[in-house]
Amino acid sequence: MADNKVIICCKCKKELIPKKVYFKYLGHSFFTDILKCPDCGEVFIPEELVKGRMAEVEMQLEDK
């Protein structure tokens, strides 16, 4: 989100806005700020979140 690119919702054709979103992934939950459509609620999950926070959750589960 720091690169200031405008991302548009494919469904509503509205600009996504930063919002705090609750995630539940593989039994773990966390809040993070990501881009979300103000109309339909569709979210954009950036690559850095997938390769960062979500990858950490997967690694924690593998270690158990």
PDB file of N, CA and C in Angstrom:
ATOM      1  N   MET A   1       0.819  -1.201   0.000  1.00  0.00           N
ATOM      2  CA  MET A   1       0.000   0.000   0.000  1.00  0.00           C
ATOM      3  C   MET A   1       0.858   1.260   0.000  1.00  0.00           C
ATOM      4  N   ALA A   2       2.113   1.118   0.355  1.00  0.00           N
ATOM      5  CA  ALA A   2       2.964   2.288   0.447  1.00  0.00           C
ATOM      6  C   ALA A   2       3.360   2.854  -0.910  1.00  0.00           C
ATOM      7  N   ASP A   3       3.144   2.105  -1.994  1.00  0.00           N
ATOM      8  CA  ASP A   3       3.561   2.589  -3.304  1.00  0.00           C
ATOM      9  C   ASP A   3       2.511   3.477  -3.972  1.00  0.00           C
ATOM     10  N   ASN A   4       1.410   3.777  -3.284  1.00  0.00           N
ATOM     11  CA  ASN A   4       0.372   4.718  -3.732  1.00  0.00           C
ATOM     12  C   ASN A   4      -0.319   4.318  -5.029  1.00  0.00           C
ATOM     13  N   LYS A   5      -0.365   3.043  -5.368  1.00  0.00           N
ATOM     14  CA  LYS A   5      -1.117   2.589  -6.525  1.00  0.00           C
ATOM     15  C   LYS A   5      -2.599   2.570  -6.158  1.00  0.00           C
ATOM     16  N   VAL A   6      -3.430   2.981  -7.089  1.00  0.00           N
ATOM     17  CA  VAL A   6      -4.872   2.929  -6.880  1.00  0.00           C
ATOM     18  C   VAL A   6      -5.352   1.551  -7.324  1.00  0.00           C
ATOM     19  N   ILE A   7      -6.062   0.872  -6.448  1.00  0.00           N
ATOM     20  CA  ILE A   7      -6.608  -0.443  -6.778  1.00  0.00           C
ATOM     21  C   ILE A   7      -8.127  -0.321  -6.768  1.00  0.00           C
ATOM     22  N   ILE A   8      -8.733  -0.806  -7.839  1.00  0.00           N
ATOM     23  CA  ILE A   8     -10.175  -0.684  -8.051  1.00  0.00           C
ATOM     24  C   ILE A   8     -10.844  -2.044  -7.869  1.00  0.00           C
ATOM     25  N   CYS A   9     -11.982  -2.065  -7.211  1.00  0.00           N
ATOM     26  CA  CYS A   9     -12.766  -3.286  -7.029  1.00  0.00           C
ATOM     27  C   CYS A   9     -13.321  -3.726  -8.395  1.00  0.00           C
ATOM     28  N   CYS A  10     -13.086  -4.963  -8.749  1.00  0.00           N
ATOM     29  CA  CYS A  10     -13.576  -5.491 -10.033  1.00  0.00           C
ATOM     30  C   CYS A  10     -15.101  -5.548 -10.066  1.00  0.00           C
ATOM     31  N   LYS A  11     -15.710  -5.761  -8.926  1.00  0.00           N
ATOM     32  CA  LYS A  11     -17.162  -5.903  -8.852  1.00  0.00           C
ATOM     33  C   LYS A  11     -17.876  -4.550  -8.865  1.00  0.00           C
ATOM     34  N   CYS A  12     -17.410  -3.609  -8.056  1.00  0.00           N
ATOM     35  CA  CYS A  12     -18.116  -2.332  -7.863  1.00  0.00           C
ATOM     36  C   CYS A  12     -17.509  -1.164  -8.634  1.00  0.00           C
ATOM     37  N   LYS A  13     -16.289  -1.354  -9.118  1.00  0.00           N
ATOM     38  CA  LYS A  13     -15.576  -0.288  -9.838  1.00  0.00           C
ATOM     39  C   LYS A  13     -15.296   0.925  -8.946  1.00  0.00           C
ATOM     40  N   LYS A  14     -15.123   0.677  -7.642  1.00  0.00           N
ATOM     41  CA  LYS A  14     -14.791   1.733  -6.683  1.00  0.00           C
ATOM     42  C   LYS A  14     -13.364   1.525  -6.191  1.00  0.00           C
ATOM     43  N   GLU A  15     -12.725   2.631  -5.802  1.00  0.00           N
ATOM     44  CA  GLU A  15     -11.376   2.563  -5.272  1.00  0.00           C
ATOM     45  C   GLU A  15     -11.386   1.890  -3.900  1.00  0.00           C
ATOM     46  N   LEU A  16     -10.470   0.953  -3.702  1.00  0.00           N
ATOM     47  CA  LEU A  16     -10.342   0.297  -2.408  1.00  0.00           C
ATOM     48  C   LEU A  16      -9.699   1.268  -1.431  1.00  0.00           C
ATOM     49  N   ILE A  17     -10.135   1.190  -0.171  1.00  0.00           N
ATOM     50  CA  ILE A  17      -9.616   2.082   0.858  1.00  0.00           C
ATOM     51  C   ILE A  17      -9.015   1.261   2.001  1.00  0.00           C
ATOM     52  N   PRO A  18      -8.009   1.808   2.682  1.00  0.00           N
ATOM     53  CA  PRO A  18      -7.399   1.069   3.799  1.00  0.00           C
ATOM     54  C   PRO A  18      -8.382   0.921   4.963  1.00  0.00           C
ATOM     55  N   LYS A  19      -8.506  -0.283   5.447  1.00  0.00           N
ATOM     56  CA  LYS A  19      -9.369  -0.590   6.599  1.00  0.00           C
ATOM     57  C   LYS A  19      -8.697  -1.652   7.447  1.00  0.00           C
ATOM     58  N   LYS A  20      -8.983  -1.640   8.734  1.00  0.00           N
ATOM     59  CA  LYS A  20      -8.517  -2.699   9.631  1.00  0.00           C
ATOM     60  C   LYS A  20      -9.442  -3.899   9.426  1.00  0.00           C
ATOM     61  N   VAL A  21      -8.846  -5.043   9.092  1.00  0.00           N
ATOM     62  CA  VAL A  21      -9.612  -6.236   8.756  1.00  0.00           C
ATOM     63  C   VAL A  21      -9.180  -7.388   9.655  1.00  0.00           C
ATOM     64  N   TYR A  22     -10.150  -8.169  10.107  1.00  0.00           N
ATOM     65  CA  TYR A  22      -9.910  -9.340  10.941  1.00  0.00           C
ATOM     66  C   TYR A  22      -9.692 -10.544  10.027  1.00  0.00           C
ATOM     67  N   PHE A  23      -8.604 -11.263  10.244  1.00  0.00           N
ATOM     68  CA  PHE A  23      -8.313 -12.473   9.486  1.00  0.00           C
ATOM     69  C   PHE A  23      -8.325 -13.677  10.410  1.00  0.00           C
ATOM     70  N   LYS A  24      -8.832 -14.774   9.910  1.00  0.00           N
ATOM     71  CA  LYS A  24      -8.706 -16.053  10.581  1.00  0.00           C
ATOM     72  C   LYS A  24      -8.111 -16.995   9.548  1.00  0.00           C
ATOM     73  N   TYR A  25      -6.912 -17.491   9.827  1.00  0.00           N
ATOM     74  CA  TYR A  25      -6.183 -18.297   8.856  1.00  0.00           C
ATOM     75  C   TYR A  25      -5.559 -19.482   9.556  1.00  0.00           C
ATOM     76  N   LEU A  26      -5.955 -20.674   9.148  1.00  0.00           N
ATOM     77  CA  LEU A  26      -5.434 -21.921   9.707  1.00  0.00           C
ATOM     78  C   LEU A  26      -5.519 -21.950  11.228  1.00  0.00           C
ATOM     79  N   GLY A  27      -6.629 -21.494  11.761  1.00  0.00           N
ATOM     80  CA  GLY A  27      -6.855 -21.532  13.199  1.00  0.00           C
ATOM     81  C   GLY A  27      -6.241 -20.389  13.984  1.00  0.00           C
ATOM     82  N   HIS A  28      -5.531 -19.498  13.342  1.00  0.00           N
ATOM     83  CA  HIS A  28      -4.944 -18.322  13.988  1.00  0.00           C
ATOM     84  C   HIS A  28      -5.693 -17.091  13.505  1.00  0.00           C
ATOM     85  N   SER A  29      -5.789 -16.087  14.352  1.00  0.00           N
ATOM     86  CA  SER A  29      -6.493 -14.875  13.950  1.00  0.00           C
ATOM     87  C   SER A  29      -5.644 -13.647  14.256  1.00  0.00           C
ATOM     88  N   PHE A  30      -5.831 -12.616  13.428  1.00  0.00           N
ATOM     89  CA  PHE A  30      -5.108 -11.365  13.623  1.00  0.00           C
ATOM     90  C   PHE A  30      -5.822 -10.251  12.870  1.00  0.00           C
ATOM     91  N   PHE A  31      -5.529  -9.019  13.264  1.00  0.00           N
ATOM     92  CA  PHE A  31      -6.029  -7.834  12.576  1.00  0.00           C
ATOM     93  C   PHE A  31      -4.885  -7.225  11.786  1.00  0.00           C
ATOM     94  N   THR A  32      -5.201  -6.679  10.619  1.00  0.00           N
ATOM     95  CA  THR A  32      -4.205  -5.945   9.842  1.00  0.00           C
ATOM     96  C   THR A  32      -4.916  -4.943   8.939  1.00  0.00           C
ATOM     97  N   ASP A  33      -4.224  -3.886   8.583  1.00  0.00           N
ATOM     98  CA  ASP A  33      -4.779  -2.880   7.683  1.00  0.00           C
ATOM     99  C   ASP A  33      -4.523  -3.308   6.244  1.00  0.00           C
ATOM    100  N   ILE A  34      -5.589  -3.479   5.467  1.00  0.00           N
ATOM    101  CA  ILE A  34      -5.470  -3.805   4.055  1.00  0.00           C
ATOM    102  C   ILE A  34      -6.518  -3.025   3.279  1.00  0.00           C
ATOM    103  N   LEU A  35      -6.412  -3.078   1.958  1.00  0.00           N
ATOM    104  CA  LEU A  35      -7.364  -2.373   1.105  1.00  0.00           C
ATOM    105  C   LEU A  35      -8.669  -3.153   1.014  1.00  0.00           C
ATOM    106  N   LYS A  36      -9.780  -2.419   1.137  1.00  0.00           N
ATOM    107  CA  LYS A  36     -11.101  -3.046   1.156  1.00  0.00           C
ATOM    108  C   LYS A  36     -12.074  -2.167   0.382  1.00  0.00           C
ATOM    109  N   CYS A  37     -12.990  -2.791  -0.355  1.00  0.00           N
ATOM    110  CA  CYS A  37     -14.001  -2.047  -1.101  1.00  0.00           C
ATOM    111  C   CYS A  37     -15.016  -1.456  -0.119  1.00  0.00           C
ATOM    112  N   PRO A  38     -15.310  -0.166  -0.243  1.00  0.00           N
ATOM    113  CA  PRO A  38     -16.269   0.456   0.678  1.00  0.00           C
ATOM    114  C   PRO A  38     -17.711  -0.006   0.442  1.00  0.00           C
ATOM    115  N   ASP A  39     -17.995  -0.593  -0.724  1.00  0.00           N
ATOM    116  CA  ASP A  39     -19.359  -1.047  -1.016  1.00  0.00           C
ATOM    117  C   ASP A  39     -19.576  -2.525  -0.702  1.00  0.00           C
ATOM    118  N   CYS A  40     -18.840  -3.395  -1.384  1.00  0.00           N
ATOM    119  CA  CYS A  40     -19.096  -4.837  -1.250  1.00  0.00           C
ATOM    120  C   CYS A  40     -18.239  -5.514  -0.179  1.00  0.00           C
ATOM    121  N   GLY A  41     -17.167  -4.851   0.273  1.00  0.00           N
ATOM    122  CA  GLY A  41     -16.325  -5.424   1.318  1.00  0.00           C
ATOM    123  C   GLY A  41     -15.226  -6.343   0.802  1.00  0.00           C
ATOM    124  N   GLU A  42     -15.111  -6.499  -0.509  1.00  0.00           N
ATOM    125  CA  GLU A  42     -14.037  -7.309  -1.092  1.00  0.00           C
ATOM    126  C   GLU A  42     -12.690  -6.747  -0.644  1.00  0.00           C
ATOM    127  N   VAL A  43     -11.742  -7.637  -0.317  1.00  0.00           N
ATOM    128  CA  VAL A  43     -10.437  -7.191   0.149  1.00  0.00           C
ATOM    129  C   VAL A  43      -9.361  -7.552  -0.864  1.00  0.00           C
ATOM    130  N   PHE A  44      -8.290  -6.774  -0.846  1.00  0.00           N
ATOM    131  CA  PHE A  44      -7.110  -7.052  -1.656  1.00  0.00           C
ATOM    132  C   PHE A  44      -6.028  -7.507  -0.696  1.00  0.00           C
ATOM    133  N   ILE A  45      -5.586  -8.745  -0.856  1.00  0.00           N
ATOM    134  CA  ILE A  45      -4.543  -9.282   0.017  1.00  0.00           C
ATOM    135  C   ILE A  45      -3.214  -9.148  -0.717  1.00  0.00           C
ATOM    136  N   PRO A  46      -2.360  -8.222  -0.272  1.00  0.00           N
ATOM    137  CA  PRO A  46      -1.096  -7.987  -0.971  1.00  0.00           C
ATOM    138  C   PRO A  46      -0.107  -9.134  -0.777  1.00  0.00           C
ATOM    139  N   GLU A  47       0.782  -9.264  -1.721  1.00  0.00           N
ATOM    140  CA  GLU A  47       1.775 -10.333  -1.706  1.00  0.00           C
ATOM    141  C   GLU A  47       2.603 -10.323  -0.419  1.00  0.00           C
ATOM    142  N   GLU A  48       2.947  -9.130   0.081  1.00  0.00           N
ATOM    143  CA  GLU A  48       3.774  -9.080   1.291  1.00  0.00           C
ATOM    144  C   GLU A  48       3.045  -9.655   2.510  1.00  0.00           C
ATOM    145  N   LEU A  49       1.716  -9.572   2.544  1.00  0.00           N
ATOM    146  CA  LEU A  49       0.955 -10.179   3.640  1.00  0.00           C
ATOM    147  C   LEU A  49       0.973 -11.696   3.503  1.00  0.00           C
ATOM    148  N   VAL A  50       0.782 -12.178   2.294  1.00  0.00           N
ATOM    149  CA  VAL A  50       0.780 -13.623   2.050  1.00  0.00           C
ATOM    150  C   VAL A  50       2.139 -14.225   2.365  1.00  0.00           C
ATOM    151  N   LYS A  51       3.195 -13.572   1.911  1.00  0.00           N
ATOM    152  CA  LYS A  51       4.539 -14.106   2.117  1.00  0.00           C
ATOM    153  C   LYS A  51       5.094 -13.767   3.492  1.00  0.00           C
ATOM    154  N   GLY A  52       4.466 -12.848   4.194  1.00  0.00           N
ATOM    155  CA  GLY A  52       4.937 -12.447   5.515  1.00  0.00           C
ATOM    156  C   GLY A  52       4.116 -13.065   6.620  1.00  0.00           C
ATOM    157  N   ARG A  53       3.055 -12.398   6.987  1.00  0.00           N
ATOM    158  CA  ARG A  53       2.254 -12.796   8.152  1.00  0.00           C
ATOM    159  C   ARG A  53       1.636 -14.184   7.998  1.00  0.00           C
ATOM    160  N   MET A  54       1.066 -14.465   6.823  1.00  0.00           N
ATOM    161  CA  MET A  54       0.426 -15.773   6.631  1.00  0.00           C
ATOM    162  C   MET A  54       1.468 -16.892   6.568  1.00  0.00           C
ATOM    163  N   ALA A  55       2.611 -16.609   5.996  1.00  0.00           N
ATOM    164  CA  ALA A  55       3.691 -17.602   5.960  1.00  0.00           C
ATOM    165  C   ALA A  55       4.184 -17.897   7.375  1.00  0.00           C
ATOM    166  N   GLU A  56       4.218 -16.878   8.239  1.00  0.00           N
ATOM    167  CA  GLU A  56       4.617 -17.075   9.641  1.00  0.00           C
ATOM    168  C   GLU A  56       3.657 -18.035  10.336  1.00  0.00           C
ATOM    169  N   VAL A  57       2.360 -17.870  10.105  1.00  0.00           N
ATOM    170  CA  VAL A  57       1.364 -18.757  10.710  1.00  0.00           C
ATOM    171  C   VAL A  57       1.599 -20.195  10.241  1.00  0.00           C
ATOM    172  N   GLU A  58       1.834 -20.373   8.953  1.00  0.00           N
ATOM    173  CA  GLU A  58       2.093 -21.719   8.429  1.00  0.00           C
ATOM    174  C   GLU A  58       3.330 -22.329   9.064  1.00  0.00           C
ATOM    175  N   MET A  59       4.388 -21.548   9.220  1.00  0.00           N
ATOM    176  CA  MET A  59       5.619 -22.053   9.822  1.00  0.00           C
ATOM    177  C   MET A  59       5.411 -22.422  11.283  1.00  0.00           C
ATOM    178  N   GLN A  60       4.627 -21.624  12.009  1.00  0.00           N
ATOM    179  CA  GLN A  60       4.333 -21.925  13.409  1.00  0.00           C
ATOM    180  C   GLN A  60       3.602 -23.261  13.520  1.00  0.00           C
ATOM    181  N   LEU A  61       2.661 -23.498  12.608  1.00  0.00           N
ATOM    182  CA  LEU A  61       1.912 -24.756  12.647  1.00  0.00           C
ATOM    183  C   LEU A  61       2.800 -25.935  12.309  1.00  0.00           C
ATOM    184  N   GLU A  62       3.719 -25.769  11.373  1.00  0.00           N
ATOM    185  CA  GLU A  62       4.626 -26.840  11.006  1.00  0.00           C
ATOM    186  C   GLU A  62       5.571 -27.190  12.144  1.00  0.00           C
ATOM    187  N   ASP A  63       5.928 -26.192  12.965  1.00  0.00           N
ATOM    188  CA  ASP A  63       6.841 -26.412  14.083  1.00  0.00           C
ATOM    189  C   ASP A  63       6.183 -27.183  15.229  1.00  0.00           C
ATOM    190  N   LYS A  64       4.870 -27.236  15.246  1.00  0.00           N
ATOM    191  CA  LYS A  64       4.161 -27.905  16.360  1.00  0.00           C
ATOM    192  C   LYS A  64       4.046 -29.382  16.154  1.00  0.00           C
TER     193      LYS A  64
END
